[in-house]
């Protein structure tokens, strides 16, 4: 049998290193777009929102928390009755917020690919960063990142605003660029070694094993493509923005200010087309937020046992989180693009893996979807007894992003009642 010729040869690497700036990446830059690109921003609040203040009452479209977003009510839809079938495990459920993989926390648990990564495979390859994962947190907890690779591995989230700004907008020195290119080339060298062993294995493989080897070679070719794109992007200038370099906020209890800072960077990352897919985890684990009237740590407050004083304190924290989310919606809506605004062309998902943190319930999840060219302004309530999967919403979102998939996770179809504008 003639072995596969590995396309990532030394000559190929040298050529790419020398000519990376000229590689014909498709449609890089806003000028090449016939219309603004479609984007996705998914935001997770691991400790949830108290259902009595989030969900509208029967026949209504607003609630105490949603009143804080009243200026944007025609730009988002809320949902009730959606859950991930089989996702339990109390706080472990956070890692499944965008995947729907069942039974997290069990020894045999294996996560699946997340919504954002499916989208990134389709809409992220024309940007410097196919996807970004960021987080606001204090220490490490159950779901510091909600981005999960196709192999089921949680992708690390950036927690430093300073580092994120440098990655997005600060050009490296010639020495730094050369070092980056050497690391990329080293990655190609590792592929050479691995594939050499794989080719020898292929020669002796039984016919039944050949399909699995073919899958392996397909995965390697995908990685080779990523390396090529990384070389090309390293040669291209980064966008210039008006926002000065930020300073990290050291006090973890300043969770609202830290969220606001990350929101500013996320907005600019989308507006400059540095990426089209972003996930955010906004955790209040192990912090006493600097919010007026708050004296206790958030996680302890979520287990309020229906004590009025604790509920009142927790409500102040959750209201502050919803309010700063409203600031993000306003900022996205204020950025004009052809045919609308940045918000009009960005699906913004905001929600939690917990329907009621007091009891660790993972049913009836609080979900908001804003923007993205969808017809908004209402509240879609589904009977919990019907068991409508949250993945039905995710499938609908993927279709809206132009990702033509038949299913996603536990989906049983698209979600009725959520229609595109026009």
Protein backbone atom coordinates (compact mmCIF):
# COMPACT_ATOMS: atom_id res chain seq x y z
CA UNK A 1 0.00 0.00 0.00
CA UNK A 2 1.28 3.48 -0.81
CA UNK A 3 1.36 5.50 2.43
CA UNK A 4 -0.39 8.87 2.72
CA UNK A 5 1.96 11.73 1.88
CA UNK A 6 1.86 14.11 4.81
CA UNK A 7 1.19 17.58 3.36
CA UNK A 8 2.87 19.36 6.30
CA UNK A 9 6.42 18.75 5.06
CA UNK A 10 9.45 20.85 6.02
CA UNK A 11 9.32 22.56 2.62
CA UNK A 12 5.66 23.36 3.16
CA UNK A 13 6.35 24.86 6.59
CA UNK A 14 9.19 27.00 5.23
CA UNK A 15 6.97 28.25 2.44
CA UNK A 16 4.16 29.14 4.85
CA UNK A 17 6.54 30.90 7.21
CA UNK A 18 7.95 32.94 4.35
CA UNK A 19 4.67 33.72 2.65
CA UNK A 20 2.12 33.54 5.42
CA UNK A 21 1.07 37.14 4.88
CA UNK A 22 -0.02 36.25 1.36
CA UNK A 23 -2.10 33.16 2.10
CA UNK A 24 -5.55 33.64 0.56
CA UNK A 25 -7.77 33.53 3.63
CA UNK A 26 -11.40 33.97 2.61
CA UNK A 27 -13.11 37.29 3.21
CA UNK A 28 -10.84 38.61 5.98
CA UNK A 29 -11.90 42.04 7.16
CA UNK A 30 -15.19 43.88 7.14
CA UNK A 31 -14.58 45.38 3.70
CA UNK A 32 -14.78 41.91 2.16
CA UNK A 33 -18.19 41.23 3.63
CA UNK A 34 -21.24 41.82 1.47
CA UNK A 35 -23.16 42.24 4.73
CA UNK A 36 -22.21 42.26 8.41
CA UNK A 37 -21.32 38.77 9.61
CA UNK A 38 -23.48 36.72 11.94
CA UNK A 39 -22.12 36.35 15.45
CA UNK A 40 -22.77 34.55 18.73
CA UNK A 41 -22.16 35.67 22.32
CA UNK A 42 -23.17 33.22 25.06
CA UNK A 43 -23.11 34.39 28.69
CA UNK A 44 -23.48 32.05 31.66
CA UNK A 45 -24.26 33.06 35.24
CA UNK A 46 -23.51 29.83 37.17
CA UNK A 47 -25.53 30.72 40.28
CA UNK A 48 -28.67 31.46 38.32
CA UNK A 49 -31.46 33.92 38.96
CA UNK A 50 -34.25 33.55 41.48
CA UNK A 51 -37.23 32.33 39.44
CA UNK A 52 -39.83 34.44 41.27
CA UNK A 53 -38.07 37.60 40.10
CA UNK A 54 -37.02 36.47 36.61
CA UNK A 55 -39.98 34.69 35.04
CA UNK A 56 -42.98 36.78 33.92
CA UNK A 57 -46.31 35.79 35.42
CA UNK A 58 -48.96 34.19 33.23
CA UNK A 59 -49.85 36.39 30.27
CA UNK A 60 -47.12 38.94 31.02
CA UNK A 61 -43.83 39.69 29.28
CA UNK A 62 -42.07 41.44 32.13
CA UNK A 63 -40.95 40.78 35.70
CA UNK A 64 -38.90 42.58 38.39
CA UNK A 65 -35.60 41.58 36.75
CA UNK A 66 -36.82 42.14 33.20
CA UNK A 67 -38.04 45.61 34.19
CA UNK A 68 -34.35 46.49 34.43
CA UNK A 69 -34.10 45.73 30.71
CA UNK A 70 -37.27 47.56 29.74
CA UNK A 71 -35.45 49.87 27.32
CA UNK A 72 -34.52 46.82 25.25
CA UNK A 73 -37.70 44.75 25.60
CA UNK A 74 -38.29 44.64 21.87
CA UNK A 75 -34.76 43.31 21.35
CA UNK A 76 -34.95 40.10 23.38
CA UNK A 77 -37.11 37.08 24.10
CA UNK A 78 -37.38 35.19 27.38
CA UNK A 79 -38.16 31.52 27.81
CA UNK A 80 -39.68 29.30 30.48
CA UNK A 81 -39.97 25.53 30.72
CA UNK A 82 -36.69 24.70 28.94
CA UNK A 83 -34.18 22.25 30.40
CA UNK A 84 -31.44 19.82 29.41
CA UNK A 85 -32.79 16.25 29.76
CA UNK A 86 -30.55 14.21 32.02
CA UNK A 87 -28.38 17.12 33.10
CA UNK A 88 -28.24 16.98 36.88
CA UNK A 89 -25.27 17.09 39.26
CA UNK A 90 -26.05 20.45 40.94
CA UNK A 91 -23.22 22.90 40.15
CA UNK A 92 -21.53 20.37 37.89
CA UNK A 93 -24.32 21.13 35.43
CA UNK A 94 -22.59 24.38 34.52
CA UNK A 95 -20.12 22.61 32.26
CA UNK A 96 -23.10 21.32 30.27
CA UNK A 97 -24.85 24.67 29.79
CA UNK A 98 -23.95 24.80 26.10
CA UNK A 99 -23.57 21.04 25.52
CA UNK A 100 -26.54 19.32 27.18
CA UNK A 101 -24.40 16.26 27.96
CA UNK A 102 -26.16 14.18 30.64
CA UNK A 103 -25.10 13.33 34.18
CA UNK A 104 -22.14 15.61 34.84
CA UNK A 105 -20.16 14.85 37.97
CA UNK A 106 -20.45 11.08 37.46
CA UNK A 107 -17.23 9.06 37.07
CA UNK A 108 -18.27 7.98 33.57
CA UNK A 109 -19.29 11.48 32.44
CA UNK A 110 -18.07 12.59 29.03
CA UNK A 111 -18.93 16.04 27.81
CA UNK A 112 -19.94 16.89 24.25
CA UNK A 113 -19.18 19.75 21.91
CA UNK A 114 -20.68 23.07 22.96
CA UNK A 115 -22.98 25.28 20.93
CA UNK A 116 -20.29 27.91 20.39
CA UNK A 117 -17.78 25.43 19.02
CA UNK A 118 -20.26 24.06 16.49
CA UNK A 119 -20.88 27.65 15.41
CA UNK A 120 -17.15 28.42 15.32
CA UNK A 121 -16.53 25.55 12.92
CA UNK A 122 -18.88 27.26 10.47
CA UNK A 123 -18.61 31.03 11.06
CA UNK A 124 -15.35 31.42 12.98
CA UNK A 125 -12.70 30.39 10.49
CA UNK A 126 -12.51 33.74 8.71
CA UNK A 127 -11.39 35.64 11.81
CA UNK A 128 -8.17 35.85 13.81
CA UNK A 129 -9.79 33.98 16.69
CA UNK A 130 -12.33 31.34 15.58
CA UNK A 131 -13.73 31.61 19.11
CA UNK A 132 -12.91 33.24 22.43
CA UNK A 133 -13.69 32.07 25.95
CA UNK A 134 -13.51 34.60 28.78
CA UNK A 135 -14.50 34.53 32.43
CA UNK A 136 -15.00 36.75 35.45
CA UNK A 137 -14.36 34.68 38.57
CA UNK A 138 -12.55 34.34 41.88
CA UNK A 139 -10.56 31.11 41.99
CA UNK A 140 -11.61 27.94 40.22
CA UNK A 141 -15.06 26.42 40.37
CA UNK A 142 -17.33 24.05 38.48
CA UNK A 143 -17.85 25.88 35.21
CA UNK A 144 -15.17 28.50 34.70
CA UNK A 145 -15.56 28.01 30.95
CA UNK A 146 -18.64 26.89 29.04
CA UNK A 147 -16.73 26.30 25.80
CA UNK A 148 -16.14 22.59 25.13
CA UNK A 149 -14.25 21.09 22.21
CA UNK A 150 -15.55 18.37 19.95
CA UNK A 151 -13.42 15.97 22.00
CA UNK A 152 -15.34 16.98 25.15
CA UNK A 153 -12.48 19.02 26.64
CA UNK A 154 -13.26 22.31 28.40
CA UNK A 155 -11.45 25.17 26.65
CA UNK A 156 -9.64 27.49 29.08
CA UNK A 157 -11.15 30.92 29.58
CA UNK A 158 -9.19 34.16 29.71
CA UNK A 159 -9.71 35.96 33.03
CA UNK A 160 -7.38 38.93 32.56
CA UNK A 161 -8.68 41.99 30.75
CA UNK A 162 -5.10 43.14 30.21
CA UNK A 163 -4.08 39.89 28.51
CA UNK A 164 -7.25 39.79 26.43
CA UNK A 165 -6.65 43.35 25.23
CA UNK A 166 -3.08 42.49 24.20
CA UNK A 167 -4.24 39.38 22.34
CA UNK A 168 -6.87 41.36 20.47
CA UNK A 169 -5.27 44.72 19.76
CA UNK A 170 -1.54 44.89 20.57
CA UNK A 171 0.95 43.87 17.90
CA UNK A 172 3.88 41.85 19.11
CA UNK A 173 7.45 42.96 18.56
CA UNK A 174 9.35 41.35 15.68
CA UNK A 175 11.07 39.08 18.22
CA UNK A 176 7.70 38.08 19.74
CA UNK A 177 6.25 37.40 16.29
CA UNK A 178 9.25 35.26 15.38
CA UNK A 179 8.87 33.31 18.63
CA UNK A 180 5.20 32.73 17.89
CA UNK A 181 5.99 31.47 14.41
CA UNK A 182 8.61 29.12 15.86
CA UNK A 183 5.99 27.68 18.20
CA UNK A 184 3.62 27.17 15.29
CA UNK A 185 6.37 25.49 13.29
CA UNK A 186 7.13 23.27 16.28
CA UNK A 187 3.49 22.21 16.23
CA UNK A 188 3.92 21.15 12.64
CA UNK A 189 7.01 19.17 13.58
CA UNK A 190 5.06 17.29 16.24
CA UNK A 191 2.44 16.46 13.62
CA UNK A 192 5.20 15.07 11.38
CA UNK A 193 6.32 12.69 14.12
CA UNK A 194 2.81 11.59 15.04
CA UNK A 195 1.79 11.02 11.45
CA UNK A 196 4.93 9.06 10.69
CA UNK A 197 3.87 6.58 13.40
CA UNK A 198 0.28 6.65 12.15
CA UNK A 199 1.37 5.80 8.59
CA UNK A 200 3.32 2.80 9.82
CA UNK A 201 0.27 1.71 11.82
CA UNK A 202 -1.94 2.14 8.76
CA UNK A 203 0.18 -0.28 6.75
CA UNK A 204 -0.50 -3.02 9.27
CA UNK A 205 -4.07 -2.09 10.16
CA UNK A 206 -6.95 -4.45 9.60
CA UNK A 207 -9.67 -3.38 7.20
CA UNK A 208 -12.09 -2.80 10.08
CA UNK A 209 -9.70 -0.24 11.59
CA UNK A 210 -9.18 1.76 8.40
CA UNK A 211 -12.27 4.01 8.88
CA UNK A 212 -11.02 5.05 12.32
CA UNK A 213 -7.62 5.86 10.87
CA UNK A 214 -9.29 7.87 8.13
CA UNK A 215 -11.07 9.90 10.81
CA UNK A 216 -7.74 10.45 12.49
CA UNK A 217 -6.13 11.74 9.29
CA UNK A 218 -9.12 14.05 8.75
CA UNK A 219 -8.59 15.51 12.23
CA UNK A 220 -4.91 16.05 11.48
CA UNK A 221 -5.72 17.84 8.24
CA UNK A 222 -8.06 20.11 10.21
CA UNK A 223 -5.24 20.89 12.64
CA UNK A 224 -2.90 21.59 9.73
CA UNK A 225 -5.43 24.10 8.45
CA UNK A 226 -5.47 25.81 11.83
CA UNK A 227 -1.70 26.05 11.81
CA UNK A 228 -1.73 27.58 8.35
CA UNK A 229 -4.32 30.14 9.38
CA UNK A 230 -2.35 30.95 12.54
CA UNK A 231 0.73 31.71 10.46
CA UNK A 232 -1.26 33.91 8.08
CA UNK A 233 -2.89 35.88 10.90
CA UNK A 234 0.42 36.38 12.70
CA UNK A 235 1.60 38.31 9.65
CA UNK A 236 -1.45 40.60 9.56
CA UNK A 237 -1.83 43.81 11.56
CA UNK A 238 -4.24 43.89 14.47
CA UNK A 239 -7.12 46.40 14.54
CA UNK A 240 -6.69 49.78 16.19
CA UNK A 241 -9.33 50.77 18.77
CA UNK A 242 -10.05 53.89 20.79
CA UNK A 243 -10.21 52.05 24.11
CA UNK A 244 -6.92 52.52 26.02
CA UNK A 245 -5.26 49.43 27.50
CA UNK A 246 -7.27 48.42 30.56
CA UNK A 247 -5.97 47.59 34.00
CA UNK A 248 -7.08 44.40 35.69
CA UNK A 249 -9.26 44.91 38.75
CA UNK A 250 -7.52 42.99 41.52
CA UNK A 251 -10.45 42.97 43.95
CA UNK A 252 -12.52 39.91 43.04
CA UNK A 253 -15.46 41.37 44.96
CA UNK A 254 -15.70 44.07 42.26
CA UNK A 255 -17.54 41.51 40.16
CA UNK A 256 -19.84 44.06 38.50
CA UNK A 257 -16.98 46.37 37.50
CA UNK A 258 -14.97 43.41 36.25
CA UNK A 259 -17.96 42.21 34.20
CA UNK A 260 -18.36 45.70 32.71
CA UNK A 261 -14.68 45.75 31.72
CA UNK A 262 -14.91 42.37 30.00
CA UNK A 263 -18.11 43.44 28.24
CA UNK A 264 -16.24 46.43 26.76
CA UNK A 265 -13.57 44.13 25.33
CA UNK A 266 -16.07 41.59 24.05
CA UNK A 267 -17.99 44.33 22.25
CA UNK A 268 -14.82 45.57 20.54
CA UNK A 269 -13.73 42.04 19.66
CA UNK A 270 -17.01 41.56 17.80
CA UNK A 271 -17.07 45.04 16.27
CA UNK A 272 -13.54 44.68 14.83
CA UNK A 273 -14.36 41.18 13.51
CA UNK A 274 -11.49 39.77 15.53
CA UNK A 275 -13.87 36.93 16.37
CA UNK A 276 -17.50 36.05 15.77
CA UNK A 277 -17.99 33.55 18.58
CA UNK A 278 -17.51 34.32 22.29
CA UNK A 279 -18.47 32.60 25.53
CA UNK A 280 -18.43 34.26 28.94
CA UNK A 281 -18.79 32.86 32.44
CA UNK A 282 -19.72 35.50 35.04
CA UNK A 283 -19.27 33.75 38.36
CA UNK A 284 -20.11 35.14 41.79
CA UNK A 285 -18.82 32.07 43.63
CA UNK A 286 -16.65 32.98 46.64
CA UNK A 287 -17.22 36.75 46.40
CA UNK A 288 -19.08 39.36 48.41
CA UNK A 289 -20.04 41.66 45.55
CA UNK A 290 -19.54 45.39 46.03
CA UNK A 291 -23.24 46.08 45.68
CA UNK A 292 -25.07 48.39 48.12
CA UNK A 293 -26.73 46.41 50.89
CA UNK A 294 -24.73 43.21 50.30
CA UNK A 295 -22.68 41.83 53.19
CA UNK A 296 -22.53 38.07 52.51
CA UNK A 297 -20.95 35.71 50.01
CA UNK A 298 -23.17 34.96 47.02
CA UNK A 299 -23.13 31.17 47.02
CA UNK A 300 -24.24 31.07 50.63
CA UNK A 301 -27.04 33.49 49.82
CA UNK A 302 -28.31 31.28 47.01
CA UNK A 303 -29.09 28.67 49.68
CA UNK A 304 -31.36 31.17 51.37
CA UNK A 305 -33.87 28.70 52.77
CA UNK A 306 -36.57 31.26 51.91
CA UNK A 307 -35.29 33.64 54.60
CA UNK A 308 -36.47 37.13 53.57
CA UNK A 309 -33.23 38.89 54.53
CA UNK A 310 -31.09 36.55 52.45
CA UNK A 311 -33.48 36.73 49.51
CA UNK A 312 -33.39 40.53 49.61
CA UNK A 313 -29.58 40.53 49.62
CA UNK A 314 -29.32 38.01 46.80
CA UNK A 315 -31.85 39.97 44.78
CA UNK A 316 -29.60 43.04 44.93
CA UNK A 317 -26.71 41.01 43.49
CA UNK A 318 -28.77 39.50 40.69
CA UNK A 319 -30.32 42.87 39.84
CA UNK A 320 -26.83 44.35 39.53
CA UNK A 321 -25.85 41.55 37.16
CA UNK A 322 -28.95 42.02 35.02
CA UNK A 323 -28.42 45.79 34.95
CA UNK A 324 -24.84 45.51 33.66
CA UNK A 325 -26.09 43.04 31.05
CA UNK A 326 -28.52 45.77 30.00
CA UNK A 327 -25.56 48.11 29.56
CA UNK A 328 -24.02 45.58 27.18
CA UNK A 329 -27.22 45.36 25.13
CA UNK A 330 -27.32 49.16 24.91
CA UNK A 331 -23.70 49.32 23.79
CA UNK A 332 -24.22 46.66 21.11
CA UNK A 333 -27.38 48.38 19.89
CA UNK A 334 -25.56 51.73 19.69
CA UNK A 335 -22.92 50.44 17.26
CA UNK A 336 -24.33 50.99 13.78
CA UNK A 337 -23.63 48.58 10.95
CA UNK A 338 -25.05 48.29 7.44
CA UNK A 339 -28.62 47.08 7.80
CA UNK A 340 -28.86 47.61 11.54
CA UNK A 341 -26.67 47.47 14.62
CA UNK A 342 -24.07 45.18 16.09
CA UNK A 343 -26.82 43.73 18.27
CA UNK A 344 -29.02 43.06 15.24
CA UNK A 345 -26.30 40.83 13.83
CA UNK A 346 -25.26 39.14 17.09
CA UNK A 347 -27.17 36.46 18.94
CA UNK A 348 -26.71 37.20 22.65
CA UNK A 349 -27.62 34.32 24.95
CA UNK A 350 -27.84 34.98 28.71
CA UNK A 351 -28.81 32.31 31.19
CA UNK A 352 -27.88 29.68 33.73
CA UNK A 353 -27.53 25.96 34.27
CA UNK A 354 -29.61 26.30 37.46
CA UNK A 355 -33.32 26.96 37.50
CA UNK A 356 -33.32 27.37 41.27
CA UNK A 357 -29.94 27.51 43.02
CA UNK A 358 -31.58 27.22 46.45
CA UNK A 359 -32.44 23.59 45.69
CA UNK A 360 -29.80 22.97 43.00
CA UNK A 361 -32.63 22.42 40.51
CA UNK A 362 -31.56 22.10 36.91
CA UNK A 363 -35.11 22.38 35.57
CA UNK A 364 -36.91 25.38 34.04
CA UNK A 365 -33.75 27.33 33.25
CA UNK A 366 -33.82 31.15 33.09
CA UNK A 367 -32.92 32.07 29.50
CA UNK A 368 -32.75 35.32 27.54
CA UNK A 369 -31.94 35.55 23.84
CA UNK A 370 -31.35 38.99 22.35
CA UNK A 371 -30.54 40.34 18.90
CA UNK A 372 -29.43 38.14 16.04
CA UNK A 373 -32.04 39.25 13.52
CA UNK A 374 -34.87 37.50 15.33
CA UNK A 375 -38.33 38.82 16.09
CA UNK A 376 -38.30 39.65 19.82
CA UNK A 377 -40.36 41.26 22.54
CA UNK A 378 -42.23 38.27 23.90
CA UNK A 379 -42.04 35.52 26.47
CA UNK A 380 -42.22 31.92 25.26
CA UNK A 381 -43.44 29.60 27.99
CA UNK A 382 -43.44 25.82 27.49
CA UNK A 383 -45.04 23.34 29.84
CA UNK A 384 -42.39 21.55 31.85
CA UNK A 385 -44.38 18.35 31.45
CA UNK A 386 -43.75 18.52 27.71
CA UNK A 387 -40.00 18.24 28.33
CA UNK A 388 -38.93 20.71 25.65
CA UNK A 389 -35.12 20.55 25.49
CA UNK A 390 -33.08 23.73 25.71
CA UNK A 391 -31.16 22.22 22.79
CA UNK A 392 -34.19 23.01 20.60
CA UNK A 393 -33.38 26.67 21.15
CA UNK A 394 -29.74 25.98 20.39
CA UNK A 395 -30.62 24.24 17.14
CA UNK A 396 -32.77 27.22 16.19
CA UNK A 397 -29.85 29.53 16.96
CA UNK A 398 -27.45 27.48 14.85
CA UNK A 399 -29.85 27.59 11.91
CA UNK A 400 -30.06 31.37 12.36
CA UNK A 401 -26.28 31.55 12.15
CA UNK A 402 -26.34 29.70 8.86
CA UNK A 403 -25.12 26.42 10.38
CA UNK A 404 -27.17 23.76 8.62
CA UNK A 405 -27.28 20.88 11.07
CA UNK A 406 -30.16 18.46 11.54
CA UNK A 407 -29.82 18.21 15.31
CA UNK A 408 -27.78 19.33 18.26
CA UNK A 409 -27.32 17.48 21.55
CA UNK A 410 -30.77 16.42 22.86
CA UNK A 411 -32.76 18.51 20.37
CA UNK A 412 -36.03 17.16 18.99
CA UNK A 413 -36.47 19.97 16.48
CA UNK A 414 -36.33 23.73 16.28
CA UNK A 415 -38.16 25.90 18.81
CA UNK A 416 -41.57 27.14 17.75
CA UNK A 417 -42.40 30.79 18.19
CA UNK A 418 -38.93 32.21 17.48
CA UNK A 419 -38.90 33.67 14.00
CA UNK A 420 -36.44 35.73 11.98
CA UNK A 421 -37.24 39.34 11.13
CA UNK A 422 -38.54 39.80 7.63
